[in-house]
Amino acid sequence: MLKHIIKTILLSFVLLCTALPVMAEDMTTDVVVVGAGTSGTAAALAALEKGARVILIEKAPFAAGAGTFSGGMFAADSPEQIKTGKTVDKEWLFNVFMESSSYRANARLVKNYINNAGRTVKFLMDNGAEFALSDAGQDGQIWHQDMPATHHGYQNGGGAVNIGKLQKTFQKKGGILLFETKGISIVKDKNGKIAGIIAENADEEEFQINAKAVILATGGAGANAEMLKEIYNSDNPPLGFIGTAQGEGIKMAWEAGARKGDIIGEFFAVNLIPDAMRSLEFRPFADVPFLKVNTHGKRFMREDHGLGYALYGNAVFEQPNHTAWVVFDQTSMDKFKKGGLQALVDQYSKWKNSDKEFYEFNEKMAAADSAKQAATPIDYTPLLKSVEGRDAMIAKSLKELAKKMDIDPETFQAEVARYNELAKIGDVDFHNEPQFMYPLIKAPYYAIRFAARSLGTLGGVVVNENLQAVDKNYDPIPGLYTVGNDATGVWGNSYVEICGASLGFAFTSGMLAGEDAASFVK
């Protein structure tokens, strides 16, 4: 993963050649957008197209945010979906969002999002971004394979490149983009109306950007350890890998009188402990629904539901220290060696002759390549031995393995014995499908330690269906908008199991807020 992050940063620096140097002088505009990631870029461009003067600021020296690493966005009726006859039933989608949130989501906001996501795809592509409709389950989530296709994958370079293209369009159309510029606080006039923001340049000099409308798009608080300790009630919360996501926009909105909204973790699959940067090498061991136990040696989930990555991340997050062990035996290692990942779980063979592809972490994810790689025999013994005693444990007996995992041997051996019995009679405990039971019968035995992978946080500021921040009485605060991962209203307690949902909301909420803000300032 490290090389992908470095590549994204290097690609993003191309934007600097057209960014303005930021002097500590007051500025005036119609709309100021704080945060030049996915939602902020969409908001700024949409407001500009509707005739508003717009300043877009970003505290990083390049296009930042989770959207620069994401694979693609959700839509129900994009131009490609319409052209290919693959539109998605909006009533079904609405029910998925509402039921997934246990009806805690704002139904009007969910409806507005679903109804406009297809238009968002066209808006983005008209302004230089490139997307193509992916097949459901193409990313390896086999339970999605029979679902309608909602995922529009980044093309030709991925998120960093495509967001960069949108920002260049924004500048060509007359928008002002200021990097290394941080939003500090909301400014109100003597009558209490939104009047702009206080910003800070790279030299920590403050200045004011006067504006009739402010759009906050700072990407959540996924890297703010202190905020997350309180949010998650955890001494060791999983941190997102987007270091700029410190929650500034959320705090700015709260200080301006916006109602505090729920903040949840966007957990998506798992990371190797302690070296998250090597997690991609170990992904097959996370993808196969092997036996999973927590640090007390207890099974805690239906393992085949781990093929739905958000479900897997959520389940692991709820365990002690947000940690789980994946346990398997030499029989499984022999299958890897003979037939590759596909010998254990068939995630990709459906696409062995496909030309479908998208970019995630700014690397090409070609479906046919994934199928070929999954069917390639591989001996993982050297990889596991390279981290033995740290990330992976190898033992000649289950008792020895438990001791190395620092788990009570009797508890662990009893759990494995029960699992092996269920592999014969059917999983009446957790209801795994029979083909996804992998009994532990042949030494040596293996265990790999994983933790919940955080993509960031979702929510923080309560908004209405137009992305206006609301006050304690749920009345909109005129001129103040909150979008993307800063906004509460679409999620309940979890990321929704619809491909591209959070990126789709980021882009769509930004577009809708930008359009509404432009109308407001006229």
Protein backbone atom coordinates (compact mmCIF):
# COMPACT_ATOMS: atom_id res chain seq x y z
CA MET A 1 0.00 0.00 0.00
CA LEU A 2 2.89 2.36 0.72
CA LYS A 3 3.92 2.61 -2.92
CA HIS A 4 0.33 3.49 -3.86
CA ILE A 5 0.25 6.30 -1.30
CA ILE A 6 3.59 7.66 -2.46
CA LYS A 7 2.43 7.55 -6.06
CA THR A 8 -0.75 9.42 -5.16
CA ILE A 9 1.24 12.15 -3.43
CA LEU A 10 3.61 12.53 -6.37
CA LEU A 11 0.74 12.68 -8.84
CA SER A 12 -1.01 15.27 -6.73
CA PHE A 13 1.97 17.62 -6.78
CA VAL A 14 1.29 18.38 -10.45
CA LEU A 15 -1.49 20.63 -9.21
CA LEU A 16 0.97 22.90 -7.46
CA CYS A 17 2.19 24.41 -10.69
CA THR A 18 -1.15 26.17 -11.11
CA ALA A 19 -1.92 26.87 -7.44
CA LEU A 20 -1.69 30.47 -6.28
CA PRO A 21 0.79 31.52 -3.59
CA VAL A 22 -1.25 32.38 -0.51
CA MET A 23 -0.62 35.78 1.01
CA ALA A 24 -2.08 36.89 4.33
CA GLU A 25 -4.46 39.35 2.70
CA ASP A 26 -8.23 39.38 3.07
CA MET A 27 -10.21 38.11 0.10
CA THR A 28 -13.83 38.36 -0.98
CA THR A 29 -15.95 35.86 -2.89
CA ASP A 30 -19.50 34.49 -2.98
CA VAL A 31 -18.79 30.93 -1.79
CA VAL A 32 -15.77 29.56 0.06
CA VAL A 33 -15.23 25.81 0.20
CA VAL A 34 -13.00 24.37 2.93
CA GLY A 35 -11.31 21.16 1.81
CA ALA A 36 -10.28 20.26 -1.75
CA GLY A 37 -10.94 16.54 -1.67
CA THR A 38 -13.82 14.73 -3.31
CA SER A 39 -16.81 16.59 -1.89
CA GLY A 40 -15.10 19.99 -1.75
CA THR A 41 -13.95 19.86 -5.35
CA ALA A 42 -17.43 18.88 -6.53
CA ALA A 43 -19.01 21.62 -4.41
CA ALA A 44 -16.67 24.31 -5.71
CA LEU A 45 -17.12 23.31 -9.33
CA ALA A 46 -20.92 23.08 -9.04
CA ALA A 47 -21.21 26.49 -7.40
CA LEU A 48 -18.96 28.01 -10.07
CA GLU A 49 -21.01 26.53 -12.88
CA LYS A 50 -24.14 28.06 -11.36
CA GLY A 51 -22.62 31.52 -11.59
CA ALA A 52 -21.09 32.07 -8.15
CA ARG A 53 -17.59 33.32 -7.48
CA VAL A 54 -15.78 30.55 -5.60
CA ILE A 55 -12.60 30.12 -3.56
CA LEU A 56 -11.57 26.53 -2.76
CA ILE A 57 -8.95 26.03 -0.03
CA GLU A 58 -6.96 22.96 1.02
CA LYS A 59 -4.54 22.71 3.94
CA ALA A 60 -2.39 20.09 2.22
CA PRO A 61 -0.04 21.07 -0.61
CA PHE A 62 -1.94 18.81 -3.03
CA ALA A 63 -5.35 17.27 -3.66
CA ALA A 64 -6.02 15.22 -0.53
CA GLY A 65 -8.72 13.08 1.00
CA ALA A 66 -9.95 9.49 0.90
CA GLY A 67 -11.41 10.03 -2.55
CA THR A 68 -7.92 10.16 -4.03
CA PHE A 69 -7.50 6.48 -3.07
CA SER A 70 -11.05 5.17 -3.59
CA GLY A 71 -12.11 2.84 -6.38
CA GLY A 72 -15.29 4.48 -7.57
CA MET A 73 -18.68 6.00 -6.85
CA PHE A 74 -22.27 4.86 -6.54
CA ALA A 75 -25.06 5.78 -8.94
CA ALA A 76 -28.46 4.40 -9.93
CA ASP A 77 -29.13 5.97 -13.32
CA SER A 78 -25.89 7.28 -14.78
CA PRO A 79 -25.60 7.75 -18.54
CA GLU A 80 -23.80 4.40 -18.86
CA GLN A 81 -26.38 2.60 -16.74
CA ILE A 82 -29.14 4.04 -18.91
CA LYS A 83 -27.27 3.26 -22.15
CA THR A 84 -26.61 -0.37 -21.18
CA GLY A 85 -30.01 -0.98 -19.60
CA LYS A 86 -28.48 -1.46 -16.14
CA THR A 87 -30.32 1.17 -14.14
CA VAL A 88 -30.97 0.23 -10.53
CA ASP A 89 -34.36 0.25 -8.82
CA LYS A 90 -34.33 3.37 -6.65
CA GLU A 91 -37.00 2.01 -4.32
CA TRP A 92 -34.77 -1.00 -3.60
CA LEU A 93 -31.79 1.28 -3.00
CA PHE A 94 -33.79 3.55 -0.73
CA ASN A 95 -34.85 0.57 1.36
CA VAL A 96 -31.27 -0.71 1.57
CA PHE A 97 -30.05 2.62 2.93
CA MET A 98 -32.94 3.07 5.34
CA GLU A 99 -32.99 -0.50 6.64
CA SER A 100 -29.18 -0.59 6.95
CA SER A 101 -29.41 2.46 9.18
CA SER A 102 -32.35 1.01 11.14
CA TYR A 103 -34.20 4.10 9.93
CA ARG A 104 -31.79 6.44 11.64
CA ALA A 105 -30.87 7.99 8.29
CA ASN A 106 -32.53 11.18 7.06
CA ALA A 107 -34.96 9.76 4.49
CA ARG A 108 -35.20 13.03 2.55
CA LEU A 109 -31.41 13.28 2.28
CA VAL A 110 -31.12 9.62 1.24
CA LYS A 111 -33.75 10.17 -1.45
CA ASN A 112 -31.99 13.30 -2.71
CA TYR A 113 -28.70 11.45 -2.87
CA ILE A 114 -30.09 8.45 -4.76
CA ASN A 115 -32.05 10.62 -7.19
CA ASN A 116 -29.04 12.79 -8.07
CA ALA A 117 -26.07 10.40 -8.05
CA GLY A 118 -26.51 9.53 -11.73
CA ARG A 119 -26.57 13.21 -12.61
CA THR A 120 -23.41 13.61 -10.54
CA VAL A 121 -21.57 11.08 -12.70
CA LYS A 122 -22.48 13.07 -15.81
CA PHE A 123 -21.50 16.35 -14.14
CA LEU A 124 -18.08 14.96 -13.19
CA MET A 125 -17.43 13.40 -16.58
CA ASP A 126 -18.48 16.60 -18.37
CA ASN A 127 -15.78 18.35 -16.34
CA GLY A 128 -12.94 15.95 -17.10
CA ALA A 129 -13.23 12.99 -14.73
CA GLU A 130 -13.42 9.47 -16.16
CA PHE A 131 -15.60 6.66 -14.80
CA ALA A 132 -16.86 3.33 -16.14
CA LEU A 133 -19.56 1.05 -14.73
CA SER A 134 -18.10 -1.98 -12.94
CA ASP A 135 -19.78 -5.33 -12.37
CA ALA A 136 -21.14 -5.96 -8.89
CA GLY A 137 -18.70 -8.10 -6.92
CA GLN A 138 -15.80 -7.34 -9.24
CA ASP A 139 -13.80 -6.23 -6.20
CA GLY A 140 -13.94 -9.71 -4.65
CA GLN A 141 -17.08 -9.40 -2.53
CA ILE A 142 -18.82 -12.56 -3.75
CA TRP A 143 -22.13 -11.82 -2.04
CA HIS A 144 -22.39 -8.75 -4.30
CA GLN A 145 -22.09 -10.74 -7.54
CA ASP A 146 -25.84 -11.06 -7.98
CA MET A 147 -26.60 -7.48 -6.96
CA PRO A 148 -27.35 -4.67 -9.43
CA ALA A 149 -24.27 -2.78 -10.62
CA THR A 150 -23.89 0.57 -8.84
CA HIS A 151 -20.11 1.05 -8.84
CA HIS A 152 -18.60 3.50 -11.32
CA GLY A 153 -14.86 2.88 -11.18
CA TYR A 154 -12.21 5.51 -11.70
CA GLN A 155 -10.47 5.21 -15.06
CA ASN A 156 -7.08 6.31 -16.40
CA GLY A 157 -5.10 7.01 -13.28
CA GLY A 158 -7.52 6.76 -10.37
CA GLY A 159 -8.78 9.20 -7.80
CA ALA A 160 -5.79 11.52 -7.51
CA VAL A 161 -5.60 12.05 -11.26
CA ASN A 162 -9.33 12.46 -11.76
CA ILE A 163 -9.83 14.86 -8.87
CA GLY A 164 -6.84 16.77 -10.23
CA LYS A 165 -8.58 17.02 -13.60
CA LEU A 166 -11.70 18.42 -11.94
CA GLN A 167 -9.63 21.01 -10.10
CA LYS A 168 -7.92 22.09 -13.30
CA THR A 169 -11.34 22.54 -14.89
CA PHE A 170 -12.40 24.58 -11.87
CA GLN A 171 -9.42 26.88 -12.30
CA LYS A 172 -9.87 27.20 -16.07
CA LYS A 173 -13.46 28.31 -15.49
CA GLY A 174 -12.32 31.05 -13.13
CA GLY A 175 -12.31 29.42 -9.70
CA ILE A 176 -9.54 30.22 -7.21
CA LEU A 177 -7.74 27.24 -5.65
CA LEU A 178 -5.49 27.83 -2.64
CA PHE A 179 -3.32 24.99 -1.33
CA GLU A 180 -1.55 25.06 2.03
CA THR A 181 -4.46 27.09 3.35
CA LYS A 182 -6.33 25.93 6.43
CA GLY A 183 -9.82 26.88 7.60
CA ILE A 184 -9.76 28.10 11.20
CA SER A 185 -13.24 29.37 12.07
CA ILE A 186 -16.54 30.63 10.69
CA VAL A 187 -17.07 34.39 10.57
CA LYS A 188 -20.48 35.91 11.27
CA ASP A 189 -21.58 39.50 10.79
CA LYS A 190 -23.12 41.70 13.48
CA ASN A 191 -26.52 40.18 12.75
CA GLY A 192 -25.26 36.64 13.21
CA LYS A 193 -25.26 35.74 9.52
CA ILE A 194 -22.53 33.70 7.85
CA ALA A 195 -19.92 36.12 6.50
CA GLY A 196 -16.97 33.89 5.58
CA ILE A 197 -14.08 32.22 7.35
CA ILE A 198 -10.79 32.91 9.04
CA ALA A 199 -8.06 31.05 7.15
CA GLU A 200 -4.38 30.42 7.78
CA ASN A 201 -1.60 30.17 5.20
CA ALA A 202 1.53 28.00 5.27
CA ASP A 203 3.35 30.63 7.37
CA GLU A 204 0.58 30.41 10.00
CA GLU A 205 -0.58 33.92 9.13
CA GLU A 206 -4.31 34.43 9.46
CA PHE A 207 -6.51 36.28 7.00
CA GLN A 208 -10.23 36.50 6.24
CA ILE A 209 -12.13 35.21 3.25
CA ASN A 210 -15.39 37.13 3.08
CA ALA A 211 -18.22 35.04 1.65
CA LYS A 212 -21.99 34.77 1.81
CA ALA A 213 -21.84 30.96 1.95
CA VAL A 214 -19.39 28.48 3.46
CA ILE A 215 -19.18 24.80 2.48
CA LEU A 216 -17.26 22.53 4.87
CA ALA A 217 -15.70 19.49 3.23
CA THR A 218 -12.76 18.48 5.39
CA GLY A 219 -13.14 14.71 5.18
CA GLY A 220 -14.10 13.72 8.72
CA ALA A 221 -11.94 13.02 11.76
CA GLY A 222 -10.45 9.63 10.91
CA ALA A 223 -6.88 10.56 11.82
CA ASN A 224 -7.61 12.54 15.00
CA ALA A 225 -6.72 10.08 17.75
CA GLU A 226 -8.08 12.22 20.58
CA MET A 227 -11.47 12.70 18.92
CA LEU A 228 -11.65 9.00 18.06
CA LYS A 229 -10.92 7.90 21.62
CA GLU A 230 -14.08 9.68 22.70
CA ILE A 231 -16.15 8.75 19.63
CA TYR A 232 -15.30 5.04 19.84
CA ASN A 233 -14.87 4.86 23.62
CA SER A 234 -11.52 3.26 22.96
CA ASP A 235 -7.99 3.72 24.27
CA ASN A 236 -6.52 2.46 21.01
CA PRO A 237 -8.85 3.49 18.17
CA PRO A 238 -8.06 2.42 14.60
CA LEU A 239 -6.84 5.45 12.67
CA GLY A 240 -7.59 6.20 9.05
CA PHE A 241 -4.61 6.56 6.72
CA ILE A 242 -5.61 10.04 5.50
CA GLY A 243 -3.60 12.14 7.92
CA THR A 244 -5.32 15.40 6.94
CA ALA A 245 -8.67 14.14 8.29
CA GLN A 246 -8.47 15.90 11.64
CA GLY A 247 -12.09 17.04 12.00
CA GLU A 248 -11.50 20.79 11.56
CA GLY A 249 -14.62 21.31 9.47
CA ILE A 250 -16.76 19.46 11.99
CA LYS A 251 -15.43 21.61 14.81
CA MET A 252 -15.90 24.81 12.78
CA ALA A 253 -19.54 23.93 12.20
CA TRP A 254 -20.14 23.07 15.86
CA GLU A 255 -18.58 26.35 16.98
CA ALA A 256 -20.87 28.17 14.53
CA GLY A 257 -23.94 26.66 16.19
CA ALA A 258 -24.50 23.55 14.06
CA ARG A 259 -26.12 20.57 15.70
CA LYS A 260 -23.71 17.75 16.58
CA GLY A 261 -24.40 14.56 14.67
CA ASP A 262 -23.37 10.97 15.19
CA ILE A 263 -19.89 10.04 14.00
CA ILE A 264 -19.22 6.43 13.06
CA GLY A 265 -16.16 4.61 11.83
CA GLU A 266 -15.96 3.62 8.18
CA PHE A 267 -14.44 0.20 8.76
CA PHE A 268 -13.70 -1.76 5.63
CA ALA A 269 -11.93 -5.12 5.88
CA VAL A 270 -8.79 -5.55 7.98
CA ASN A 271 -5.14 -4.53 8.26
CA LEU A 272 -2.19 -6.63 9.26
CA ILE A 273 -0.80 -5.82 12.71
CA PRO A 274 1.41 -3.96 13.30
CA ASP A 275 2.58 -3.29 9.75
CA ALA A 276 -0.46 -1.95 7.89
CA MET A 277 1.68 -1.13 4.86
CA ARG A 278 2.20 -4.86 4.19
CA SER A 279 -1.46 -5.76 4.44
CA LEU A 280 -1.97 -6.19 0.69
CA GLU A 281 0.56 -9.04 0.67
CA PHE A 282 -1.53 -10.86 3.25
CA ARG A 283 -4.92 -10.08 1.73
CA PRO A 284 -5.63 -13.70 0.64
CA PHE A 285 -5.59 -14.76 4.28
CA ALA A 286 -8.14 -12.07 5.06
CA ASP A 287 -10.30 -12.86 2.02
CA VAL A 288 -10.62 -16.60 2.65
CA PRO A 289 -13.34 -17.19 5.29
CA PHE A 290 -10.98 -19.08 7.62
CA LEU A 291 -11.81 -19.59 11.28
CA LYS A 292 -11.59 -16.30 13.17
CA VAL A 293 -11.17 -15.93 16.91
CA ASN A 294 -10.71 -12.89 19.11
CA THR A 295 -7.96 -12.36 21.65
CA HIS A 296 -9.92 -14.47 24.14
CA GLY A 297 -9.84 -17.41 21.74
CA LYS A 298 -13.55 -17.22 20.93
CA ARG A 299 -15.18 -17.37 17.51
CA PHE A 300 -17.18 -14.18 16.96
CA MET A 301 -18.68 -14.00 13.47
CA ARG A 302 -20.06 -15.89 10.53
CA GLU A 303 -16.78 -16.06 8.66
CA ASP A 304 -18.20 -16.18 5.15
CA HIS A 305 -19.79 -12.79 5.79
CA GLY A 306 -16.20 -11.58 5.88
CA LEU A 307 -16.54 -11.58 2.09
CA GLY A 308 -18.56 -8.43 2.63
CA TYR A 309 -15.71 -6.18 3.63
CA ALA A 310 -17.62 -3.61 5.68
CA LEU A 311 -19.27 -6.39 7.69
CA TYR A 312 -15.86 -7.93 8.35
CA GLY A 313 -14.38 -4.63 9.50
CA ASN A 314 -17.31 -3.95 11.80
CA ALA A 315 -17.12 -7.38 13.40
CA VAL A 316 -13.39 -7.11 14.06
CA PHE A 317 -13.74 -3.57 15.41
CA GLU A 318 -16.14 -4.85 18.09
CA GLN A 319 -13.58 -7.32 19.44
CA PRO A 320 -11.15 -6.61 22.30
CA ASN A 321 -8.47 -4.19 21.07
CA HIS A 322 -10.28 -4.23 17.69
CA THR A 323 -8.24 -7.32 16.86
CA ALA A 324 -8.81 -10.84 15.52
CA TRP A 325 -6.78 -13.92 14.66
CA VAL A 326 -7.29 -15.75 11.36
CA VAL A 327 -6.49 -19.43 11.91
CA PHE A 328 -5.85 -22.22 9.36
CA ASP A 329 -3.79 -25.35 8.85
CA GLN A 330 -1.32 -26.89 6.41
CA THR A 331 -4.17 -28.35 4.35
CA SER A 332 -5.14 -24.83 3.31
CA MET A 333 -1.52 -23.87 2.69
CA ASP A 334 -1.20 -26.90 0.39
CA LYS A 335 -4.28 -25.77 -1.53
CA PHE A 336 -2.76 -22.32 -2.02
CA LYS A 337 0.38 -24.01 -3.31
CA LYS A 338 -1.53 -26.23 -5.72
CA GLY A 339 -4.32 -23.98 -7.01
CA GLY A 340 -3.90 -20.48 -5.62
CA LEU A 341 -6.59 -18.45 -3.87
CA GLN A 342 -9.24 -19.87 -6.18
CA ALA A 343 -8.72 -23.33 -4.71
CA LEU A 344 -10.10 -22.02 -1.41
CA VAL A 345 -12.61 -19.35 -2.41
CA ASP A 346 -13.68 -18.41 -5.93
CA GLN A 347 -13.91 -14.61 -5.96
CA TYR A 348 -12.82 -13.74 -9.47
CA SER A 349 -13.14 -16.56 -12.03
CA LYS A 350 -16.35 -15.02 -13.33
CA TRP A 351 -14.20 -12.29 -14.89
CA LYS A 352 -11.37 -14.38 -16.39
CA ASN A 353 -12.28 -13.14 -19.89
CA SER A 354 -13.51 -9.69 -18.88
CA ASP A 355 -12.20 -6.34 -20.08
CA LYS A 356 -13.60 -4.58 -16.99
CA GLU A 357 -11.21 -2.52 -14.91
CA PHE A 358 -11.05 0.37 -12.49
CA TYR A 359 -8.39 2.11 -10.42
CA GLU A 360 -8.13 1.81 -6.65
CA PHE A 361 -5.24 3.25 -4.63
CA ASN A 362 -4.43 4.72 -8.06
CA GLU A 363 -3.44 1.31 -9.40
CA LYS A 364 -5.25 -0.51 -12.18
CA MET A 365 -7.54 -3.29 -10.95
CA ALA A 366 -8.25 -5.29 -14.09
CA ALA A 367 -10.85 -8.01 -13.52
CA ALA A 368 -9.14 -10.52 -15.81
CA ASP A 369 -5.82 -9.94 -14.04
CA SER A 370 -7.46 -10.55 -10.66
CA ALA A 371 -8.91 -13.81 -11.97
CA LYS A 372 -5.56 -14.92 -13.35
CA GLN A 373 -3.71 -14.05 -10.16
CA ALA A 374 -6.28 -15.86 -8.00
CA ALA A 375 -5.80 -19.04 -10.05
CA THR A 376 -2.00 -18.94 -9.88
CA PRO A 377 -0.44 -21.46 -7.47
CA ILE A 378 1.64 -19.84 -4.76
CA ASP A 379 3.65 -21.01 -1.78
CA TYR A 380 3.02 -18.58 1.07
CA THR A 381 5.43 -20.32 3.47
CA PRO A 382 8.31 -17.84 2.94
CA LEU A 383 6.00 -14.86 3.42
CA LEU A 384 4.59 -16.17 6.71
CA LYS A 385 8.00 -17.16 8.02
CA SER A 386 9.28 -13.66 7.27
CA VAL A 387 6.92 -12.25 9.90
CA GLU A 388 6.73 -15.26 12.20
CA GLY A 389 6.53 -14.30 15.86
CA ARG A 390 5.27 -10.81 15.06
CA ASP A 391 2.34 -10.84 12.62
CA ALA A 392 2.06 -14.58 12.12
CA MET A 393 2.37 -17.56 14.45
CA ILE A 394 3.32 -21.06 13.29
CA ALA A 395 3.16 -24.11 15.52
CA LYS A 396 3.27 -27.91 15.43
CA SER A 397 0.21 -28.21 17.68
CA LEU A 398 -2.90 -26.20 18.52
CA LYS A 399 -1.74 -25.95 22.13
CA GLU A 400 1.57 -24.46 21.07
CA LEU A 401 -0.21 -22.10 18.65
CA ALA A 402 -2.51 -20.85 21.42
CA LYS A 403 0.45 -20.09 23.67
CA LYS A 404 2.14 -18.12 20.91
CA MET A 405 -1.13 -16.19 20.38
CA ASP A 406 -1.25 -15.51 24.13
CA ILE A 407 -4.62 -17.28 24.37
CA ASP A 408 -5.70 -19.87 26.94
CA PRO A 409 -4.91 -23.22 25.25
CA GLU A 410 -7.94 -25.06 26.65
CA THR A 411 -10.34 -22.38 25.44
CA PHE A 412 -8.74 -22.27 22.01
CA GLN A 413 -8.55 -26.04 21.55
CA ALA A 414 -12.20 -26.40 22.56
CA GLU A 415 -13.19 -23.73 20.03
CA VAL A 416 -11.25 -25.44 17.25
CA ALA A 417 -12.76 -28.82 18.17
CA ARG A 418 -16.25 -27.35 17.94
CA TYR A 419 -15.43 -25.69 14.61
CA ASN A 420 -14.10 -28.97 13.20
CA GLU A 421 -17.27 -30.74 14.32
CA LEU A 422 -19.42 -28.09 12.62
CA ALA A 423 -17.43 -28.55 9.42
CA LYS A 424 -18.79 -32.13 9.37
CA ILE A 425 -22.40 -31.62 10.53
CA GLY A 426 -23.10 -28.10 9.30
CA ASP A 427 -22.48 -24.77 11.00
CA VAL A 428 -25.48 -24.56 13.32
CA ASP A 429 -23.64 -22.03 15.49
CA PHE A 430 -22.86 -19.23 13.00
CA HIS A 431 -24.39 -20.59 9.77
CA ASN A 432 -21.44 -20.50 7.39
CA GLU A 433 -22.13 -22.01 4.00
CA PRO A 434 -20.62 -25.56 3.96
CA GLN A 435 -18.04 -24.74 1.26
CA PHE A 436 -16.62 -22.05 3.52
CA MET A 437 -15.64 -24.29 6.42
CA TYR A 438 -11.93 -25.08 6.63
CA PRO A 439 -11.29 -27.62 9.44
CA LEU A 440 -7.92 -27.53 11.19
CA ILE A 441 -6.59 -31.07 10.95
CA LYS A 442 -3.04 -31.01 9.61
CA ALA A 443 0.04 -29.49 11.27
CA PRO A 444 1.67 -27.08 11.17
CA TYR A 445 -1.03 -24.64 12.21
CA TYR A 446 -1.02 -20.95 11.41
CA ALA A 447 -2.50 -17.77 12.87
CA ILE A 448 -2.31 -14.22 11.50
CA ARG A 449 -3.30 -11.19 13.55
CA PHE A 450 -5.44 -8.50 11.92
CA ALA A 451 -7.18 -5.33 13.09
CA ALA A 452 -10.15 -3.41 11.73
CA ARG A 453 -9.11 -1.21 8.81
CA SER A 454 -10.41 2.34 9.10
CA LEU A 455 -11.00 4.36 5.97
CA GLY A 456 -11.99 7.29 8.18
CA THR A 457 -15.15 8.54 9.86
CA LEU A 458 -18.63 9.30 8.60
CA GLY A 459 -20.69 12.14 10.06
CA GLY A 460 -20.37 14.91 12.59
CA VAL A 461 -22.73 17.71 11.58
CA VAL A 462 -26.48 17.25 11.15
CA VAL A 463 -27.67 18.49 7.77
CA ASN A 464 -30.98 18.65 5.92
CA GLU A 465 -31.69 17.23 2.48
CA ASN A 466 -30.00 20.24 0.85
CA LEU A 467 -26.80 19.73 2.89
CA GLN A 468 -27.46 22.85 4.94
CA ALA A 469 -26.10 22.52 8.47
CA VAL A 470 -28.93 22.78 10.99
CA ASP A 471 -28.97 24.29 14.46
CA LYS A 472 -30.04 22.69 17.74
CA ASN A 473 -33.69 23.11 16.70
CA TYR A 474 -33.05 21.47 13.32
CA ASP A 475 -33.55 24.77 11.51
CA PRO A 476 -31.09 25.40 8.65
CA ILE A 477 -28.27 27.86 9.25
CA PRO A 478 -28.48 30.09 6.14
CA GLY A 479 -25.26 30.02 4.17
CA LEU A 480 -23.59 27.12 6.02
CA TYR A 481 -23.23 23.72 4.32
CA THR A 482 -21.51 20.49 5.37
CA VAL A 483 -20.78 17.69 2.91
CA GLY A 484 -19.08 14.34 2.45
CA ASN A 485 -17.62 12.63 5.49
CA ASP A 486 -18.34 15.68 7.67
CA ALA A 487 -22.12 15.29 7.25
CA THR A 488 -24.45 13.15 9.35
CA GLY A 489 -27.66 11.86 7.78
CA VAL A 490 -27.04 9.01 5.32
CA TRP A 491 -25.53 6.39 7.64
CA GLY A 492 -26.75 4.64 10.76
CA ASN A 493 -24.18 2.59 12.65
CA SER A 494 -22.25 1.34 9.64
CA TYR A 495 -21.12 1.93 6.10
CA VAL A 496 -23.85 0.68 3.74
CA GLU A 497 -23.08 -2.52 1.80
CA ILE A 498 -23.54 -0.85 -1.59
CA CYS A 499 -20.43 -0.47 -3.74
CA GLY A 500 -19.23 3.12 -4.00
CA ALA A 501 -21.70 4.50 -1.46
CA SER A 502 -19.40 6.81 0.50
CA LEU A 503 -17.55 8.21 -2.53
CA GLY A 504 -20.87 8.62 -4.29
CA PHE A 505 -22.25 10.56 -1.35
CA ALA A 506 -19.12 12.70 -1.19
CA PHE A 507 -19.34 13.74 -4.83
CA THR A 508 -23.13 14.07 -4.87
CA SER A 509 -23.46 15.93 -1.59
CA GLY A 510 -20.76 18.32 -2.78
CA MET A 511 -22.52 18.96 -6.06
CA LEU A 512 -25.89 19.51 -4.40
CA ALA A 513 -24.45 21.84 -1.77
CA GLY A 514 -22.56 23.82 -4.38
CA GLU A 515 -25.67 24.31 -6.47
CA ASP A 516 -27.76 25.32 -3.47
CA ALA A 517 -25.09 27.70 -2.20
CA ALA A 518 -24.89 29.40 -5.60
CA SER A 519 -28.64 29.98 -5.53
CA PHE A 520 -28.44 31.27 -1.96
CA VAL A 521 -25.82 33.93 -2.69
CA LYS A 522 -27.58 35.41 -5.72
